[in-house]
Amino acid sequence: MAQKLSDNVCFALYTASNALVRAYRPLLDEFDLTYPQYIVMQSLWYNDGVSLKEVSNDTQLDSGTLTPIVKRLEAKALLTRKVSVEDERKKVISLTDKGRLLRDKAKDLKAQLEAKSSMQREDVETLRKLCLELAEKLG
């Protein structure tokens, strides 16, 4: 039997990831966010007032990628970067009132995307767990 590109799990994950980001784009346009900015905002919605390193660990974005994203979100007045009172070498990233308000407005995005996928909730959860397991084992 002839093999094809789609037989590779790496290709399947790559195409699924691209499709997911493309599906999110029109939903995020309403909030003037890119997908990486949305990931950073989600991280802060779950855990506000943290260091850049903690956001980096949570989002799996390296500091070279994360810093410009955080600066853009700060320019949009969604978060602030301030020197930590405990350690002057660290910056604390915190949501602004506008950033917290955005959380309330964007809370249905995940459900909208799940509905758009037409996948069963259990299948989405299984996929999520398998992706996290793969990332952990390869990391």
N, C-alpha and C. Protein backbone atom coordinates (compact mmCIF):
# COMPACT_ATOMS: atom_id res chain seq x y z
N MET A 1 0.85 -1.18 0.00
CA MET A 1 0.00 0.00 0.00
C MET A 1 0.89 1.24 0.00
N ALA A 2 0.58 2.18 -0.86
CA ALA A 2 1.37 3.40 -0.99
C ALA A 2 1.15 4.30 0.23
N GLN A 3 2.25 4.83 0.71
CA GLN A 3 2.14 5.76 1.82
C GLN A 3 1.88 7.16 1.29
N LYS A 4 1.26 7.97 2.13
CA LYS A 4 1.02 9.36 1.77
C LYS A 4 1.36 10.24 2.97
N LEU A 5 1.49 11.50 2.71
CA LEU A 5 1.89 12.45 3.73
C LEU A 5 0.97 12.41 4.94
N SER A 6 -0.32 12.28 4.71
CA SER A 6 -1.29 12.29 5.81
C SER A 6 -1.18 11.06 6.71
N ASP A 7 -0.36 10.08 6.35
CA ASP A 7 -0.12 8.93 7.22
C ASP A 7 0.77 9.29 8.41
N ASN A 8 1.43 10.42 8.34
CA ASN A 8 2.35 10.86 9.40
C ASN A 8 1.59 11.64 10.47
N VAL A 9 1.78 11.26 11.73
CA VAL A 9 1.11 11.96 12.83
C VAL A 9 1.57 13.42 12.88
N CYS A 10 2.83 13.68 12.57
CA CYS A 10 3.32 15.06 12.61
C CYS A 10 2.57 15.93 11.60
N PHE A 11 2.27 15.38 10.43
CA PHE A 11 1.53 16.14 9.43
C PHE A 11 0.08 16.34 9.87
N ALA A 12 -0.51 15.32 10.44
CA ALA A 12 -1.89 15.43 10.92
C ALA A 12 -2.00 16.51 12.00
N LEU A 13 -1.06 16.53 12.94
CA LEU A 13 -1.07 17.55 13.98
C LEU A 13 -0.84 18.94 13.41
N TYR A 14 0.08 19.03 12.45
CA TYR A 14 0.39 20.32 11.81
C TYR A 14 -0.83 20.87 11.08
N THR A 15 -1.49 20.05 10.29
CA THR A 15 -2.65 20.53 9.54
C THR A 15 -3.83 20.85 10.47
N ALA A 16 -4.00 20.06 11.52
CA ALA A 16 -5.07 20.33 12.48
C ALA A 16 -4.80 21.64 13.21
N SER A 17 -3.55 21.87 13.60
CA SER A 17 -3.18 23.11 14.28
C SER A 17 -3.44 24.32 13.38
N ASN A 18 -3.04 24.22 12.13
CA ASN A 18 -3.28 25.31 11.19
C ASN A 18 -4.78 25.55 11.00
N ALA A 19 -5.55 24.49 10.88
CA ALA A 19 -7.00 24.62 10.71
C ALA A 19 -7.62 25.28 11.94
N LEU A 20 -7.14 24.92 13.11
CA LEU A 20 -7.65 25.48 14.36
C LEU A 20 -7.39 26.98 14.43
N VAL A 21 -6.17 27.38 14.11
CA VAL A 21 -5.81 28.80 14.14
C VAL A 21 -6.64 29.57 13.10
N ARG A 22 -6.82 29.00 11.91
CA ARG A 22 -7.64 29.65 10.88
C ARG A 22 -9.09 29.78 11.33
N ALA A 23 -9.60 28.79 12.03
CA ALA A 23 -10.98 28.84 12.53
C ALA A 23 -11.14 29.89 13.62
N TYR A 24 -10.11 30.06 14.43
CA TYR A 24 -10.16 31.07 15.49
C TYR A 24 -10.07 32.49 14.94
N ARG A 25 -9.37 32.67 13.80
CA ARG A 25 -9.08 34.02 13.29
C ARG A 25 -10.31 34.92 13.20
N PRO A 26 -11.40 34.51 12.53
CA PRO A 26 -12.55 35.43 12.46
C PRO A 26 -13.18 35.69 13.83
N LEU A 27 -13.12 34.73 14.72
CA LEU A 27 -13.66 34.93 16.06
C LEU A 27 -12.81 35.93 16.84
N LEU A 28 -11.50 35.84 16.67
CA LEU A 28 -10.58 36.73 17.39
C LEU A 28 -10.50 38.12 16.78
N ASP A 29 -10.81 38.23 15.49
CA ASP A 29 -10.80 39.55 14.84
C ASP A 29 -11.73 40.52 15.55
N GLU A 30 -12.83 40.00 16.05
CA GLU A 30 -13.80 40.83 16.78
C GLU A 30 -13.15 41.48 18.01
N PHE A 31 -12.14 40.82 18.56
CA PHE A 31 -11.48 41.32 19.77
C PHE A 31 -10.11 41.94 19.46
N ASP A 32 -9.79 42.05 18.18
CA ASP A 32 -8.51 42.61 17.74
C ASP A 32 -7.33 41.85 18.36
N LEU A 33 -7.42 40.52 18.35
CA LEU A 33 -6.37 39.67 18.88
C LEU A 33 -5.91 38.67 17.84
N THR A 34 -4.62 38.38 17.85
CA THR A 34 -4.10 37.26 17.09
C THR A 34 -4.20 36.02 17.97
N TYR A 35 -4.02 34.85 17.38
CA TYR A 35 -4.10 33.63 18.19
C TYR A 35 -3.03 33.61 19.30
N PRO A 36 -1.76 33.93 19.00
CA PRO A 36 -0.77 33.95 20.10
C PRO A 36 -1.13 34.97 21.19
N GLN A 37 -1.69 36.11 20.81
CA GLN A 37 -2.12 37.08 21.83
C GLN A 37 -3.26 36.50 22.67
N TYR A 38 -4.15 35.79 22.03
CA TYR A 38 -5.26 35.15 22.75
C TYR A 38 -4.74 34.13 23.75
N ILE A 39 -3.74 33.36 23.36
CA ILE A 39 -3.15 32.37 24.27
C ILE A 39 -2.56 33.05 25.50
N VAL A 40 -1.86 34.16 25.29
CA VAL A 40 -1.28 34.90 26.41
C VAL A 40 -2.39 35.46 27.30
N MET A 41 -3.42 36.01 26.69
CA MET A 41 -4.53 36.54 27.48
C MET A 41 -5.21 35.43 28.27
N GLN A 42 -5.41 34.28 27.64
CA GLN A 42 -6.02 33.15 28.37
C GLN A 42 -5.17 32.78 29.58
N SER A 43 -3.87 32.73 29.39
CA SER A 43 -2.97 32.40 30.49
C SER A 43 -3.17 33.37 31.65
N LEU A 44 -3.28 34.66 31.33
CA LEU A 44 -3.47 35.67 32.38
C LEU A 44 -4.88 35.62 32.97
N TRP A 45 -5.86 35.22 32.18
CA TRP A 45 -7.21 35.09 32.72
C TRP A 45 -7.25 33.98 33.76
N TYR A 46 -6.42 32.96 33.59
CA TYR A 46 -6.36 31.86 34.56
C TYR A 46 -5.45 32.20 35.74
N ASN A 47 -4.41 33.00 35.48
CA ASN A 47 -3.42 33.27 36.52
C ASN A 47 -2.84 34.66 36.29
N ASP A 48 -3.41 35.66 36.92
CA ASP A 48 -3.03 37.06 36.73
C ASP A 48 -1.92 37.46 37.70
N GLY A 49 -1.18 38.50 37.34
CA GLY A 49 -0.15 39.05 38.22
C GLY A 49 1.05 38.13 38.37
N VAL A 50 1.56 37.65 37.25
CA VAL A 50 2.67 36.69 37.27
C VAL A 50 3.86 37.24 36.48
N SER A 51 4.98 36.57 36.63
CA SER A 51 6.19 36.98 35.92
C SER A 51 6.12 36.58 34.45
N LEU A 52 6.95 37.21 33.65
CA LEU A 52 7.04 36.86 32.23
C LEU A 52 7.45 35.40 32.09
N LYS A 53 8.34 34.95 32.97
CA LYS A 53 8.78 33.55 32.93
C LYS A 53 7.61 32.60 33.18
N GLU A 54 6.74 32.95 34.11
CA GLU A 54 5.57 32.10 34.39
C GLU A 54 4.62 32.05 33.20
N VAL A 55 4.44 33.19 32.53
CA VAL A 55 3.60 33.21 31.33
C VAL A 55 4.25 32.36 30.24
N SER A 56 5.57 32.47 30.13
CA SER A 56 6.32 31.68 29.14
C SER A 56 6.14 30.18 29.41
N ASN A 57 6.28 29.77 30.66
CA ASN A 57 6.10 28.36 31.02
C ASN A 57 4.68 27.88 30.72
N ASP A 58 3.70 28.72 31.02
CA ASP A 58 2.31 28.34 30.84
C ASP A 58 1.94 28.24 29.36
N THR A 59 2.41 29.18 28.56
CA THR A 59 2.03 29.24 27.14
C THR A 59 2.96 28.43 26.24
N GLN A 60 4.10 28.02 26.79
CA GLN A 60 5.12 27.32 26.00
C GLN A 60 5.69 28.21 24.90
N LEU A 61 5.66 29.53 25.11
CA LEU A 61 6.26 30.49 24.19
C LEU A 61 7.58 30.95 24.80
N ASP A 62 8.66 30.93 24.00
CA ASP A 62 9.94 31.40 24.52
C ASP A 62 9.90 32.92 24.67
N SER A 63 10.82 33.46 25.46
CA SER A 63 10.78 34.90 25.77
C SER A 63 10.96 35.76 24.52
N GLY A 64 11.71 35.29 23.54
CA GLY A 64 11.89 36.04 22.30
C GLY A 64 10.60 36.19 21.52
N THR A 65 9.72 35.21 21.63
CA THR A 65 8.41 35.26 20.99
C THR A 65 7.41 35.99 21.87
N LEU A 66 7.50 35.73 23.17
CA LEU A 66 6.52 36.25 24.12
C LEU A 66 6.64 37.76 24.34
N THR A 67 7.84 38.27 24.45
CA THR A 67 8.03 39.69 24.76
C THR A 67 7.33 40.62 23.78
N PRO A 68 7.48 40.42 22.46
CA PRO A 68 6.75 41.32 21.55
C PRO A 68 5.23 41.18 21.65
N ILE A 69 4.75 39.99 21.95
CA ILE A 69 3.31 39.78 22.12
C ILE A 69 2.82 40.57 23.33
N VAL A 70 3.55 40.46 24.42
CA VAL A 70 3.18 41.18 25.65
C VAL A 70 3.22 42.69 25.41
N LYS A 71 4.22 43.17 24.68
CA LYS A 71 4.31 44.61 24.38
C LYS A 71 3.11 45.08 23.56
N ARG A 72 2.68 44.25 22.59
CA ARG A 72 1.51 44.63 21.78
C ARG A 72 0.24 44.65 22.63
N LEU A 73 0.12 43.67 23.52
CA LEU A 73 -1.06 43.63 24.40
C LEU A 73 -1.04 44.81 25.38
N GLU A 74 0.15 45.21 25.79
CA GLU A 74 0.27 46.38 26.66
C GLU A 74 -0.13 47.64 25.88
N ALA A 75 0.28 47.74 24.61
CA ALA A 75 -0.09 48.88 23.77
C ALA A 75 -1.60 48.95 23.55
N LYS A 76 -2.27 47.79 23.60
CA LYS A 76 -3.73 47.74 23.48
C LYS A 76 -4.41 47.98 24.82
N ALA A 77 -3.62 48.25 25.85
CA ALA A 77 -4.12 48.53 27.21
C ALA A 77 -4.85 47.33 27.82
N LEU A 78 -4.43 46.11 27.45
CA LEU A 78 -5.04 44.90 28.00
C LEU A 78 -4.26 44.37 29.20
N LEU A 79 -3.00 44.76 29.32
CA LEU A 79 -2.18 44.33 30.44
C LEU A 79 -1.12 45.38 30.73
N THR A 80 -0.47 45.21 31.88
CA THR A 80 0.63 46.09 32.26
C THR A 80 1.84 45.23 32.62
N ARG A 81 3.01 45.81 32.43
CA ARG A 81 4.26 45.19 32.87
C ARG A 81 4.89 46.14 33.88
N LYS A 82 5.06 45.66 35.09
CA LYS A 82 5.65 46.49 36.14
C LYS A 82 6.74 45.73 36.84
N VAL A 83 7.69 46.46 37.39
CA VAL A 83 8.78 45.85 38.14
C VAL A 83 8.21 45.23 39.41
N SER A 84 8.66 44.02 39.70
CA SER A 84 8.22 43.31 40.90
C SER A 84 8.73 44.01 42.15
N VAL A 85 7.89 44.10 43.16
CA VAL A 85 8.33 44.70 44.43
C VAL A 85 9.25 43.74 45.18
N GLU A 86 9.14 42.43 44.92
CA GLU A 86 10.00 41.46 45.58
C GLU A 86 11.38 41.35 44.93
N ASP A 87 11.42 41.53 43.61
CA ASP A 87 12.67 41.35 42.87
C ASP A 87 12.69 42.33 41.70
N GLU A 88 13.53 43.36 41.80
CA GLU A 88 13.56 44.42 40.79
C GLU A 88 13.98 43.91 39.40
N ARG A 89 14.55 42.70 39.33
CA ARG A 89 14.97 42.15 38.04
C ARG A 89 13.80 41.55 37.27
N LYS A 90 12.68 41.32 37.97
CA LYS A 90 11.52 40.68 37.35
C LYS A 90 10.43 41.68 37.03
N LYS A 91 9.71 41.37 35.94
CA LYS A 91 8.53 42.16 35.58
C LYS A 91 7.30 41.33 35.91
N VAL A 92 6.30 41.98 36.46
CA VAL A 92 5.03 41.33 36.76
C VAL A 92 4.03 41.75 35.69
N ILE A 93 3.40 40.76 35.10
CA ILE A 93 2.41 40.98 34.04
C ILE A 93 1.03 40.88 34.68
N SER A 94 0.24 41.94 34.54
CA SER A 94 -1.09 41.97 35.15
C SER A 94 -2.12 42.48 34.15
N LEU A 95 -3.32 41.95 34.25
CA LEU A 95 -4.42 42.41 33.42
C LEU A 95 -4.87 43.80 33.85
N THR A 96 -5.29 44.59 32.90
CA THR A 96 -5.95 45.86 33.19
C THR A 96 -7.45 45.58 33.30
N ASP A 97 -8.20 46.60 33.67
CA ASP A 97 -9.66 46.44 33.70
C ASP A 97 -10.17 46.05 32.31
N LYS A 98 -9.59 46.66 31.28
CA LYS A 98 -9.98 46.34 29.90
C LYS A 98 -9.67 44.87 29.58
N GLY A 99 -8.54 44.36 30.07
CA GLY A 99 -8.17 42.96 29.85
C GLY A 99 -9.10 42.01 30.56
N ARG A 100 -9.53 42.37 31.76
CA ARG A 100 -10.48 41.53 32.51
C ARG A 100 -11.86 41.56 31.84
N LEU A 101 -12.25 42.71 31.34
CA LEU A 101 -13.53 42.84 30.64
C LEU A 101 -13.53 41.98 29.37
N LEU A 102 -12.41 41.92 28.70
CA LEU A 102 -12.29 41.11 27.49
C LEU A 102 -12.53 39.63 27.80
N ARG A 103 -12.08 39.18 28.97
CA ARG A 103 -12.31 37.79 29.38
C ARG A 103 -13.80 37.47 29.37
N ASP A 104 -14.60 38.37 29.90
CA ASP A 104 -16.04 38.15 29.94
C ASP A 104 -16.64 38.12 28.54
N LYS A 105 -16.15 38.98 27.66
CA LYS A 105 -16.65 39.04 26.29
C LYS A 105 -16.23 37.82 25.47
N ALA A 106 -15.04 37.28 25.76
CA ALA A 106 -14.48 36.18 24.96
C ALA A 106 -14.74 34.80 25.55
N LYS A 107 -15.51 34.72 26.62
CA LYS A 107 -15.67 33.44 27.33
C LYS A 107 -16.32 32.34 26.49
N ASP A 108 -17.07 32.71 25.46
CA ASP A 108 -17.77 31.70 24.66
C ASP A 108 -16.98 31.24 23.43
N LEU A 109 -15.78 31.75 23.23
CA LEU A 109 -15.02 31.40 22.03
C LEU A 109 -14.75 29.91 21.92
N LYS A 110 -14.37 29.29 23.02
CA LYS A 110 -14.08 27.86 22.99
C LYS A 110 -15.32 27.06 22.57
N ALA A 111 -16.45 27.40 23.14
CA ALA A 111 -17.69 26.70 22.80
C ALA A 111 -18.08 26.93 21.34
N GLN A 112 -17.87 28.16 20.86
CA GLN A 112 -18.17 28.46 19.45
C GLN A 112 -17.30 27.61 18.53
N LEU A 113 -16.03 27.48 18.88
CA LEU A 113 -15.12 26.71 18.04
C LEU A 113 -15.47 25.22 18.10
N GLU A 114 -15.79 24.71 19.28
CA GLU A 114 -16.18 23.31 19.40
C GLU A 114 -17.43 23.03 18.56
N ALA A 115 -18.38 23.95 18.57
CA ALA A 115 -19.60 23.78 17.77
C ALA A 115 -19.26 23.78 16.28
N LYS A 116 -18.34 24.66 15.91
CA LYS A 116 -17.93 24.75 14.50
C LYS A 116 -17.24 23.47 14.03
N SER A 117 -16.55 22.79 14.94
CA SER A 117 -15.83 21.57 14.57
C SER A 117 -16.76 20.38 14.36
N SER A 118 -17.94 20.43 14.93
CA SER A 118 -18.91 19.33 14.87
C SER A 118 -18.39 18.05 15.51
N MET A 119 -17.36 18.15 16.33
CA MET A 119 -16.83 16.98 17.03
C MET A 119 -17.56 16.81 18.35
N GLN A 120 -17.67 15.58 18.79
CA GLN A 120 -18.25 15.30 20.09
C GLN A 120 -17.32 15.82 21.18
N ARG A 121 -17.90 16.32 22.25
CA ARG A 121 -17.12 16.89 23.36
C ARG A 121 -16.10 15.87 23.90
N GLU A 122 -16.51 14.59 23.99
CA GLU A 122 -15.60 13.55 24.50
C GLU A 122 -14.41 13.37 23.56
N ASP A 123 -14.65 13.45 22.25
CA ASP A 123 -13.56 13.31 21.28
C ASP A 123 -12.59 14.49 21.38
N VAL A 124 -13.13 15.69 21.58
CA VAL A 124 -12.28 16.87 21.74
C VAL A 124 -11.42 16.71 22.99
N GLU A 125 -12.02 16.22 24.07
CA GLU A 125 -11.27 16.02 25.32
C GLU A 125 -10.21 14.95 25.16
N THR A 126 -10.52 13.87 24.48
CA THR A 126 -9.52 12.82 24.22
C THR A 126 -8.38 13.36 23.40
N LEU A 127 -8.70 14.13 22.37
CA LEU A 127 -7.67 14.73 21.52
C LEU A 127 -6.77 15.66 22.33
N ARG A 128 -7.38 16.48 23.18
CA ARG A 128 -6.62 17.40 24.03
C ARG A 128 -5.64 16.64 24.92
N LYS A 129 -6.14 15.60 25.58
CA LYS A 129 -5.29 14.82 26.47
C LYS A 129 -4.15 14.14 25.71
N LEU A 130 -4.45 13.58 24.54
CA LEU A 130 -3.41 12.92 23.74
C LEU A 130 -2.34 13.91 23.27
N CYS A 131 -2.77 15.10 22.87
CA CYS A 131 -1.80 16.12 22.44
C CYS A 131 -0.90 16.54 23.60
N LEU A 132 -1.49 16.75 24.77
CA LEU A 132 -0.68 17.12 25.94
C LEU A 132 0.28 15.99 26.33
N GLU A 133 -0.19 14.76 26.26
CA GLU A 133 0.66 13.60 26.57
C GLU A 133 1.83 13.52 25.59
N LEU A 134 1.55 13.69 24.32
CA LEU A 134 2.60 13.67 23.30
C LEU A 134 3.61 14.77 23.54
N ALA A 135 3.14 15.98 23.81
CA ALA A 135 4.05 17.10 24.07
C ALA A 135 4.93 16.83 25.28
N GLU A 136 4.35 16.26 26.31
CA GLU A 136 5.11 15.95 27.53
C GLU A 136 6.18 14.90 27.26
N LYS A 137 5.80 13.84 26.54
CA LYS A 137 6.74 12.77 26.28
C LYS A 137 7.86 13.18 25.32
N LEU A 138 7.55 14.08 24.41
CA LEU A 138 8.58 14.54 23.47
C LEU A 138 9.42 15.66 24.06
N GLY A 139 8.86 16.32 25.10
CA GLY A 139 9.58 17.44 25.73
C GLY A 139 10.65 16.94 26.62
